[in-house]
Amino acid sequence: MTDLYKTLGVKRTAAPKDIHKAYRKKAKSAHPDSGGSVEAFNTLVLAYSVLSDKGRRTRYDETGEIDPPRPDNFDGGAIEIIADKLGLVIHAEQDLATMDVGRLIEQAIRDDIAARKASVTHQQRAGERLAALRSRTKRKAEGDANLVARVLDWHELAIRNHIKKHEESIRFLERALEILHGYSFTDDLAAAQAEEVAGALNDILVALDELAAVLNTTPSRAEAMPQGAGPTAFG
């Protein structure tokens, strides 16, 4: 059985930030586009997805078990979501250099997840109201078909289908986020230049702080004169 901690190269007591840092470091060389194998990269993504999730990590630590395998079409649904979001970027006719593509796509997916969760909550409340209404609905006469009950049954089925649909979409969206963690849409050269500029600015600020400290601690002319000494011919 694969040891997920060894896969990432971290200790079992590693903090979440260390797990994220280790994954980012290994993903650069493990990615197929950088010469790594698809199998090794998928194992790395799996290790990160489990250990970066508090609940899944606890389950793995306690049982050594990883979540059961997903159905074959699961990643297909996630890829369709990513394709849809990337299509919006491709057709936006905006300079990619001015866009944080990864952040924009992830935020769009998170917004979609939030909206669908809100819809599920709304439907669950509707289901509770439906159940209360059903308990209060009584027929005044016996023998005829209960048409109102059939209408309530239809609403109940619609609510269940709506919840099921959105919960399935949420799973696809969350999987899409997991997949995106393994990719970067930044210009490495531009990022390096930005880092160099930031480093240079930091050096300048440090130098200014040191200069300010020197100026603030240099004795004034009055403080530097011996006690009792009068003014000189030069003032």
C-alpha atoms as a PDB file:
ATOM      1  CA  MET A   1       0.000   0.000   0.000  1.00  0.00           C
ATOM      2  CA  THR A   2       1.276   3.453  -0.921  1.00  0.00           C
ATOM      3  CA  ASP A   3       2.386   5.615   2.008  1.00  0.00           C
ATOM      4  CA  LEU A   4       0.963   9.025   1.191  1.00  0.00           C
ATOM      5  CA  TYR A   5       3.359  10.781   3.551  1.00  0.00           C
ATOM      6  CA  LYS A   6       6.359   9.210   1.814  1.00  0.00           C
ATOM      7  CA  THR A   7       4.881  10.154  -1.538  1.00  0.00           C
ATOM      8  CA  LEU A   8       4.954  13.809  -0.526  1.00  0.00           C
ATOM      9  CA  GLY A   9       8.180  13.441   1.456  1.00  0.00           C
ATOM     10  CA  VAL A  10       6.778  14.797   4.723  1.00  0.00           C
ATOM     11  CA  LYS A  11       6.464  13.517   8.286  1.00  0.00           C
ATOM     12  CA  ARG A  12       3.163  12.215   9.624  1.00  0.00           C
ATOM     13  CA  THR A  13       3.085  15.248  11.932  1.00  0.00           C
ATOM     14  CA  ALA A  14       3.528  17.720   9.069  1.00  0.00           C
ATOM     15  CA  ALA A  15       1.452  20.895   9.260  1.00  0.00           C
ATOM     16  CA  PRO A  16      -0.991  21.699   6.409  1.00  0.00           C
ATOM     17  CA  LYS A  17       1.300  24.456   5.112  1.00  0.00           C
ATOM     18  CA  ASP A  18       4.217  21.991   4.919  1.00  0.00           C
ATOM     19  CA  ILE A  19       2.075  19.494   3.022  1.00  0.00           C
ATOM     20  CA  HIS A  20       1.072  22.190   0.547  1.00  0.00           C
ATOM     21  CA  LYS A  21       4.683  23.353   0.162  1.00  0.00           C
ATOM     22  CA  ALA A  22       5.933  19.786  -0.415  1.00  0.00           C
ATOM     23  CA  TYR A  23       3.249  19.146  -3.002  1.00  0.00           C
ATOM     24  CA  ARG A  24       3.996  22.330  -4.937  1.00  0.00           C
ATOM     25  CA  LYS A  25       7.687  21.476  -4.979  1.00  0.00           C
ATOM     26  CA  LYS A  26       7.218  17.894  -6.193  1.00  0.00           C
ATOM     27  CA  ALA A  27       4.447  18.735  -8.672  1.00  0.00           C
ATOM     28  CA  LYS A  28       6.817  20.845 -10.773  1.00  0.00           C
ATOM     29  CA  SER A  29       9.050  17.866 -11.615  1.00  0.00           C
ATOM     30  CA  ALA A  30       6.414  15.108 -11.393  1.00  0.00           C
ATOM     31  CA  HIS A  31       4.047  16.674 -13.912  1.00  0.00           C
ATOM     32  CA  PRO A  32       4.003  14.872 -17.294  1.00  0.00           C
ATOM     33  CA  ASP A  33       4.716  18.153 -19.076  1.00  0.00           C
ATOM     34  CA  SER A  34       7.986  18.331 -17.113  1.00  0.00           C
ATOM     35  CA  GLY A  35       9.065  14.761 -17.866  1.00  0.00           C
ATOM     36  CA  GLY A  36       7.229  12.960 -15.073  1.00  0.00           C
ATOM     37  CA  SER A  37       4.935   9.977 -15.535  1.00  0.00           C
ATOM     38  CA  VAL A  38       1.164  10.219 -15.478  1.00  0.00           C
ATOM     39  CA  GLU A  39       0.960   7.448 -12.875  1.00  0.00           C
ATOM     40  CA  ALA A  40       3.452   9.094 -10.518  1.00  0.00           C
ATOM     41  CA  PHE A  41       1.762  12.463 -10.865  1.00  0.00           C
ATOM     42  CA  ASN A  42      -1.682  11.000 -10.184  1.00  0.00           C
ATOM     43  CA  THR A  43      -0.285   9.328  -7.057  1.00  0.00           C
ATOM     44  CA  LEU A  44       1.123  12.683  -5.945  1.00  0.00           C
ATOM     45  CA  VAL A  45      -2.217  14.426  -6.543  1.00  0.00           C
ATOM     46  CA  LEU A  46      -4.004  11.691  -4.605  1.00  0.00           C
ATOM     47  CA  ALA A  47      -1.613  12.036  -1.660  1.00  0.00           C
ATOM     48  CA  TYR A  48      -2.116  15.789  -1.569  1.00  0.00           C
ATOM     49  CA  SER A  49      -5.896  15.618  -1.954  1.00  0.00           C
ATOM     50  CA  VAL A  50      -6.145  13.232   1.011  1.00  0.00           C
ATOM     51  CA  LEU A  51      -3.598  14.823   3.344  1.00  0.00           C
ATOM     52  CA  SER A  52      -4.743  18.382   2.669  1.00  0.00           C
ATOM     53  CA  ASP A  53      -8.297  17.495   3.685  1.00  0.00           C
ATOM     54  CA  LYS A  54      -8.668  17.305   7.473  1.00  0.00           C
ATOM     55  CA  GLY A  55     -11.422  14.692   7.450  1.00  0.00           C
ATOM     56  CA  ARG A  56      -9.825  12.449   4.831  1.00  0.00           C
ATOM     57  CA  ARG A  57      -6.427  12.729   6.497  1.00  0.00           C
ATOM     58  CA  THR A  58      -7.850  11.689   9.870  1.00  0.00           C
ATOM     59  CA  ARG A  59      -9.535   8.699   8.257  1.00  0.00           C
ATOM     60  CA  TYR A  60      -6.283   7.723   6.533  1.00  0.00           C
ATOM     61  CA  ASP A  61      -4.250   8.095   9.743  1.00  0.00           C
ATOM     62  CA  GLU A  62      -6.708   5.975  11.725  1.00  0.00           C
ATOM     63  CA  THR A  63      -7.458   3.237   9.201  1.00  0.00           C
ATOM     64  CA  GLY A  64      -4.831   3.516   6.476  1.00  0.00           C
ATOM     65  CA  GLU A  65      -7.719   3.596   4.008  1.00  0.00           C
ATOM     66  CA  ILE A  66      -8.150   6.021   1.161  1.00  0.00           C
ATOM     67  CA  ASP A  67     -11.573   6.981  -0.135  1.00  0.00           C
ATOM     68  CA  PRO A  68     -13.129   4.263  -2.312  1.00  0.00           C
ATOM     69  CA  PRO A  69     -12.381   4.581  -6.051  1.00  0.00           C
ATOM     70  CA  ARG A  70     -14.573   6.953  -7.971  1.00  0.00           C
ATOM     71  CA  PRO A  71     -16.707   5.763 -10.886  1.00  0.00           C
ATOM     72  CA  ASP A  72     -15.025   5.943 -14.292  1.00  0.00           C
ATOM     73  CA  ASN A  73     -17.077   8.965 -15.366  1.00  0.00           C
ATOM     74  CA  PHE A  74     -16.286  10.992 -12.247  1.00  0.00           C
ATOM     75  CA  ASP A  75     -13.151  12.727 -13.557  1.00  0.00           C
ATOM     76  CA  GLY A  76     -14.902  13.181 -16.884  1.00  0.00           C
ATOM     77  CA  GLY A  77     -17.503  15.389 -15.226  1.00  0.00           C
ATOM     78  CA  ALA A  78     -14.777  17.382 -13.471  1.00  0.00           C
ATOM     79  CA  ILE A  79     -12.844  17.845 -16.722  1.00  0.00           C
ATOM     80  CA  GLU A  80     -15.992  19.137 -18.451  1.00  0.00           C
ATOM     81  CA  ILE A  81     -16.275  21.796 -15.749  1.00  0.00           C
ATOM     82  CA  ILE A  82     -12.635  22.830 -16.198  1.00  0.00           C
ATOM     83  CA  ALA A  83     -13.108  22.901 -19.979  1.00  0.00           C
ATOM     84  CA  ASP A  84     -16.123  25.174 -19.584  1.00  0.00           C
ATOM     85  CA  LYS A  85     -14.237  27.600 -17.313  1.00  0.00           C
ATOM     86  CA  LEU A  86     -11.165  27.622 -19.562  1.00  0.00           C
ATOM     87  CA  GLY A  87     -13.426  28.331 -22.535  1.00  0.00           C
ATOM     88  CA  LEU A  88     -14.589  31.517 -20.837  1.00  0.00           C
ATOM     89  CA  VAL A  89     -10.940  32.589 -20.454  1.00  0.00           C
ATOM     90  CA  ILE A  90     -10.046  31.662 -24.043  1.00  0.00           C
ATOM     91  CA  HIS A  91     -12.906  33.695 -25.507  1.00  0.00           C
ATOM     92  CA  ALA A  92     -12.595  36.639 -23.121  1.00  0.00           C
ATOM     93  CA  GLU A  93     -10.309  38.532 -25.559  1.00  0.00           C
ATOM     94  CA  GLN A  94      -8.323  39.869 -22.614  1.00  0.00           C
ATOM     95  CA  ASP A  95      -4.545  39.918 -22.276  1.00  0.00           C
ATOM     96  CA  LEU A  96      -3.561  36.786 -20.349  1.00  0.00           C
ATOM     97  CA  ALA A  97      -0.688  38.717 -18.764  1.00  0.00           C
ATOM     98  CA  THR A  98      -3.243  40.801 -16.879  1.00  0.00           C
ATOM     99  CA  MET A  99      -5.219  37.785 -15.675  1.00  0.00           C
ATOM    100  CA  ASP A 100      -4.577  35.401 -12.805  1.00  0.00           C
ATOM    101  CA  VAL A 101      -6.135  32.519 -14.726  1.00  0.00           C
ATOM    102  CA  GLY A 102      -5.801  29.912 -11.997  1.00  0.00           C
ATOM    103  CA  ARG A 103      -7.341  32.148  -9.346  1.00  0.00           C
ATOM    104  CA  LEU A 104     -10.189  33.236 -11.634  1.00  0.00           C
ATOM    105  CA  ILE A 105     -11.117  29.663 -12.557  1.00  0.00           C
ATOM    106  CA  GLU A 106     -10.907  28.412  -8.984  1.00  0.00           C
ATOM    107  CA  GLN A 107     -13.003  31.324  -7.716  1.00  0.00           C
ATOM    108  CA  ALA A 108     -15.624  30.698 -10.402  1.00  0.00           C
ATOM    109  CA  ILE A 109     -15.832  27.053  -9.347  1.00  0.00           C
ATOM    110  CA  ARG A 110     -16.032  27.954  -5.651  1.00  0.00           C
ATOM    111  CA  ASP A 111     -18.818  30.435  -6.400  1.00  0.00           C
ATOM    112  CA  ASP A 112     -20.668  27.698  -8.273  1.00  0.00           C
ATOM    113  CA  ILE A 113     -20.240  25.312  -5.327  1.00  0.00           C
ATOM    114  CA  ALA A 114     -21.562  27.930  -2.906  1.00  0.00           C
ATOM    115  CA  ALA A 115     -24.583  28.644  -5.121  1.00  0.00           C
ATOM    116  CA  ARG A 116     -25.428  24.955  -5.456  1.00  0.00           C
ATOM    117  CA  LYS A 117     -25.066  24.351  -1.723  1.00  0.00           C
ATOM    118  CA  ALA A 118     -27.406  27.259  -1.073  1.00  0.00           C
ATOM    119  CA  SER A 119     -29.885  25.750  -3.533  1.00  0.00           C
ATOM    120  CA  VAL A 120     -29.680  22.368  -1.786  1.00  0.00           C
ATOM    121  CA  THR A 121     -30.345  24.035   1.564  1.00  0.00           C
ATOM    122  CA  HIS A 122     -33.342  25.847   0.090  1.00  0.00           C
ATOM    123  CA  GLN A 123     -34.746  22.610  -1.337  1.00  0.00           C
ATOM    124  CA  GLN A 124     -34.241  20.813   1.968  1.00  0.00           C
ATOM    125  CA  ARG A 125     -36.261  23.505   3.731  1.00  0.00           C
ATOM    126  CA  ALA A 126     -38.920  23.180   1.042  1.00  0.00           C
ATOM    127  CA  GLY A 127     -39.013  19.439   1.705  1.00  0.00           C
ATOM    128  CA  GLU A 128     -39.582  20.083   5.394  1.00  0.00           C
ATOM    129  CA  ARG A 129     -42.468  22.444   4.598  1.00  0.00           C
ATOM    130  CA  LEU A 130     -43.918  19.895   2.190  1.00  0.00           C
ATOM    131  CA  ALA A 131     -43.845  17.203   4.892  1.00  0.00           C
ATOM    132  CA  ALA A 132     -45.606  19.565   7.320  1.00  0.00           C
ATOM    133  CA  LEU A 133     -48.214  20.426   4.689  1.00  0.00           C
ATOM    134  CA  ARG A 134     -48.785  16.762   3.911  1.00  0.00           C
ATOM    135  CA  SER A 135     -49.485  16.023   7.577  1.00  0.00           C
ATOM    136  CA  ARG A 136     -52.114  18.811   7.659  1.00  0.00           C
ATOM    137  CA  THR A 137     -53.850  17.873   4.403  1.00  0.00           C
ATOM    138  CA  LYS A 138     -57.066  15.885   4.918  1.00  0.00           C
ATOM    139  CA  ARG A 139     -59.760  14.855   2.471  1.00  0.00           C
ATOM    140  CA  LYS A 140     -63.294  15.896   3.403  1.00  0.00           C
ATOM    141  CA  ALA A 141     -64.912  12.943   1.627  1.00  0.00           C
ATOM    142  CA  GLU A 142     -63.982   9.288   1.311  1.00  0.00           C
ATOM    143  CA  GLY A 143     -63.846   7.197  -1.826  1.00  0.00           C
ATOM    144  CA  ASP A 144     -62.495   9.691  -4.369  1.00  0.00           C
ATOM    145  CA  ALA A 145     -58.859   9.653  -5.565  1.00  0.00           C
ATOM    146  CA  ASN A 146     -56.592  11.829  -3.441  1.00  0.00           C
ATOM    147  CA  LEU A 147     -55.502  14.246  -6.139  1.00  0.00           C
ATOM    148  CA  VAL A 148     -53.803  16.649  -3.731  1.00  0.00           C
ATOM    149  CA  ALA A 149     -51.660  13.816  -2.380  1.00  0.00           C
ATOM    150  CA  ARG A 150     -50.532  13.070  -5.938  1.00  0.00           C
ATOM    151  CA  VAL A 151     -49.538  16.718  -6.403  1.00  0.00           C
ATOM    152  CA  LEU A 152     -47.558  16.622  -3.158  1.00  0.00           C
ATOM    153  CA  ASP A 153     -45.870  13.399  -4.304  1.00  0.00           C
ATOM    154  CA  TRP A 154     -44.858  15.126  -7.524  1.00  0.00           C
ATOM    155  CA  HIS A 155     -43.359  18.066  -5.608  1.00  0.00           C
ATOM    156  CA  GLU A 156     -41.506  15.705  -3.275  1.00  0.00           C
ATOM    157  CA  LEU A 157     -39.994  13.818  -6.211  1.00  0.00           C
ATOM    158  CA  ALA A 158     -38.971  17.102  -7.872  1.00  0.00           C
ATOM    159  CA  ILE A 159     -37.257  18.265  -4.679  1.00  0.00           C
ATOM    160  CA  ARG A 160     -35.376  14.994  -4.293  1.00  0.00           C
ATOM    161  CA  ASN A 161     -34.205  15.064  -7.902  1.00  0.00           C
ATOM    162  CA  HIS A 162     -33.100  18.690  -7.553  1.00  0.00           C
ATOM    163  CA  ILE A 163     -31.061  17.924  -4.440  1.00  0.00           C
ATOM    164  CA  LYS A 164     -29.509  14.825  -6.010  1.00  0.00           C
ATOM    165  CA  LYS A 165     -28.564  16.746  -9.153  1.00  0.00           C
ATOM    166  CA  HIS A 166     -26.884  19.579  -7.272  1.00  0.00           C
ATOM    167  CA  GLU A 167     -25.082  17.291  -4.806  1.00  0.00           C
ATOM    168  CA  GLU A 168     -23.649  15.368  -7.757  1.00  0.00           C
ATOM    169  CA  SER A 169     -22.575  18.638  -9.408  1.00  0.00           C
ATOM    170  CA  ILE A 170     -20.893  19.731  -6.168  1.00  0.00           C
ATOM    171  CA  ARG A 171     -18.831  16.530  -6.140  1.00  0.00           C
ATOM    172  CA  PHE A 172     -17.741  17.176  -9.737  1.00  0.00           C
ATOM    173  CA  LEU A 173     -16.867  20.789  -8.909  1.00  0.00           C
ATOM    174  CA  GLU A 174     -14.839  19.789  -5.854  1.00  0.00           C
ATOM    175  CA  ARG A 175     -12.982  17.210  -7.941  1.00  0.00           C
ATOM    176  CA  ALA A 176     -12.267  19.908 -10.537  1.00  0.00           C
ATOM    177  CA  LEU A 177     -10.602  21.980  -7.809  1.00  0.00           C
ATOM    178  CA  GLU A 178      -8.459  18.982  -6.827  1.00  0.00           C
ATOM    179  CA  ILE A 179      -7.321  18.562 -10.426  1.00  0.00           C
ATOM    180  CA  LEU A 180      -6.532  22.269 -10.797  1.00  0.00           C
ATOM    181  CA  HIS A 181      -4.210  22.118  -7.777  1.00  0.00           C
ATOM    182  CA  GLY A 182      -1.781  20.246 -10.016  1.00  0.00           C
ATOM    183  CA  TYR A 183      -1.560  23.002 -12.608  1.00  0.00           C
ATOM    184  CA  SER A 184      -0.227  26.511 -12.895  1.00  0.00           C
ATOM    185  CA  PHE A 185      -1.204  29.155 -15.458  1.00  0.00           C
ATOM    186  CA  THR A 186       1.536  31.665 -14.616  1.00  0.00           C
ATOM    187  CA  ASP A 187       4.318  32.922 -16.850  1.00  0.00           C
ATOM    188  CA  ASP A 188       7.454  31.584 -15.127  1.00  0.00           C
ATOM    189  CA  LEU A 189       9.621  34.374 -16.566  1.00  0.00           C
ATOM    190  CA  ALA A 190       7.200  37.098 -15.511  1.00  0.00           C
ATOM    191  CA  ALA A 191       6.879  35.526 -12.073  1.00  0.00           C
ATOM    192  CA  ALA A 192      10.655  35.376 -11.702  1.00  0.00           C
ATOM    193  CA  GLN A 193      10.996  39.014 -12.755  1.00  0.00           C
ATOM    194  CA  ALA A 194       8.284  40.047 -10.310  1.00  0.00           C
ATOM    195  CA  GLU A 195      10.075  38.138  -7.569  1.00  0.00           C
ATOM    196  CA  GLU A 196      13.356  39.874  -8.425  1.00  0.00           C
ATOM    197  CA  VAL A 197      11.654  43.279  -8.306  1.00  0.00           C
ATOM    198  CA  ALA A 198      10.058  42.448  -4.977  1.00  0.00           C
ATOM    199  CA  GLY A 199      13.438  41.344  -3.626  1.00  0.00           C
ATOM    200  CA  ALA A 200      15.114  44.542  -4.821  1.00  0.00           C
ATOM    201  CA  LEU A 201      12.392  46.680  -3.261  1.00  0.00           C
ATOM    202  CA  ASN A 202      12.778  44.795  -0.014  1.00  0.00           C
ATOM    203  CA  ASP A 203      16.555  45.420  -0.042  1.00  0.00           C
ATOM    204  CA  ILE A 204      15.925  49.121  -0.614  1.00  0.00           C
ATOM    205  CA  LEU A 205      13.475  49.292   2.278  1.00  0.00           C
ATOM    206  CA  VAL A 206      15.959  47.532   4.562  1.00  0.00           C
ATOM    207  CA  ALA A 207      18.691  49.970   3.542  1.00  0.00           C
ATOM    208  CA  LEU A 208      16.399  52.928   4.188  1.00  0.00           C
ATOM    209  CA  ASP A 209      15.511  51.547   7.611  1.00  0.00           C
ATOM    210  CA  GLU A 210      19.213  51.186   8.450  1.00  0.00           C
ATOM    211  CA  LEU A 211      19.920  54.715   7.239  1.00  0.00           C
ATOM    212  CA  ALA A 212      17.021  56.086   9.288  1.00  0.00           C
ATOM    213  CA  ALA A 213      18.344  54.275  12.349  1.00  0.00           C
ATOM    214  CA  VAL A 214      21.799  55.788  11.852  1.00  0.00           C
ATOM    215  CA  LEU A 215      20.399  59.305  11.405  1.00  0.00           C
ATOM    216  CA  ASN A 216      18.160  58.996  14.458  1.00  0.00           C
ATOM    217  CA  THR A 217      21.023  57.823  16.693  1.00  0.00           C
ATOM    218  CA  THR A 218      23.673  60.362  15.498  1.00  0.00           C
ATOM    219  CA  PRO A 219      24.214  62.947  18.301  1.00  0.00           C
ATOM    220  CA  SER A 220      23.207  66.490  17.451  1.00  0.00           C
ATOM    221  CA  ARG A 221      25.781  69.269  17.416  1.00  0.00           C
ATOM    222  CA  ALA A 222      24.594  70.583  20.763  1.00  0.00           C
ATOM    223  CA  GLU A 223      24.757  67.094  22.320  1.00  0.00           C
ATOM    224  CA  ALA A 224      28.255  66.517  20.915  1.00  0.00           C
ATOM    225  CA  MET A 225      29.735  69.716  22.554  1.00  0.00           C
ATOM    226  CA  PRO A 226      31.564  69.211  25.866  1.00  0.00           C
ATOM    227  CA  GLN A 227      29.661  70.339  28.922  1.00  0.00           C
ATOM    228  CA  GLY A 228      30.244  73.978  29.668  1.00  0.00           C
ATOM    229  CA  ALA A 229      31.799  74.737  26.301  1.00  0.00           C
ATOM    230  CA  GLY A 230      30.690  78.006  24.793  1.00  0.00           C
ATOM    231  CA  PRO A 231      29.976  78.701  21.178  1.00  0.00           C
ATOM    232  CA  THR A 232      32.967  78.925  18.859  1.00  0.00           C
ATOM    233  CA  ALA A 233      33.741  81.608  16.361  1.00  0.00           C
ATOM    234  CA  PHE A 234      31.881  79.556  13.837  1.00  0.00           C
ATOM    235  CA  GLY A 235      28.681  79.596  15.901  1.00  0.00           C
END
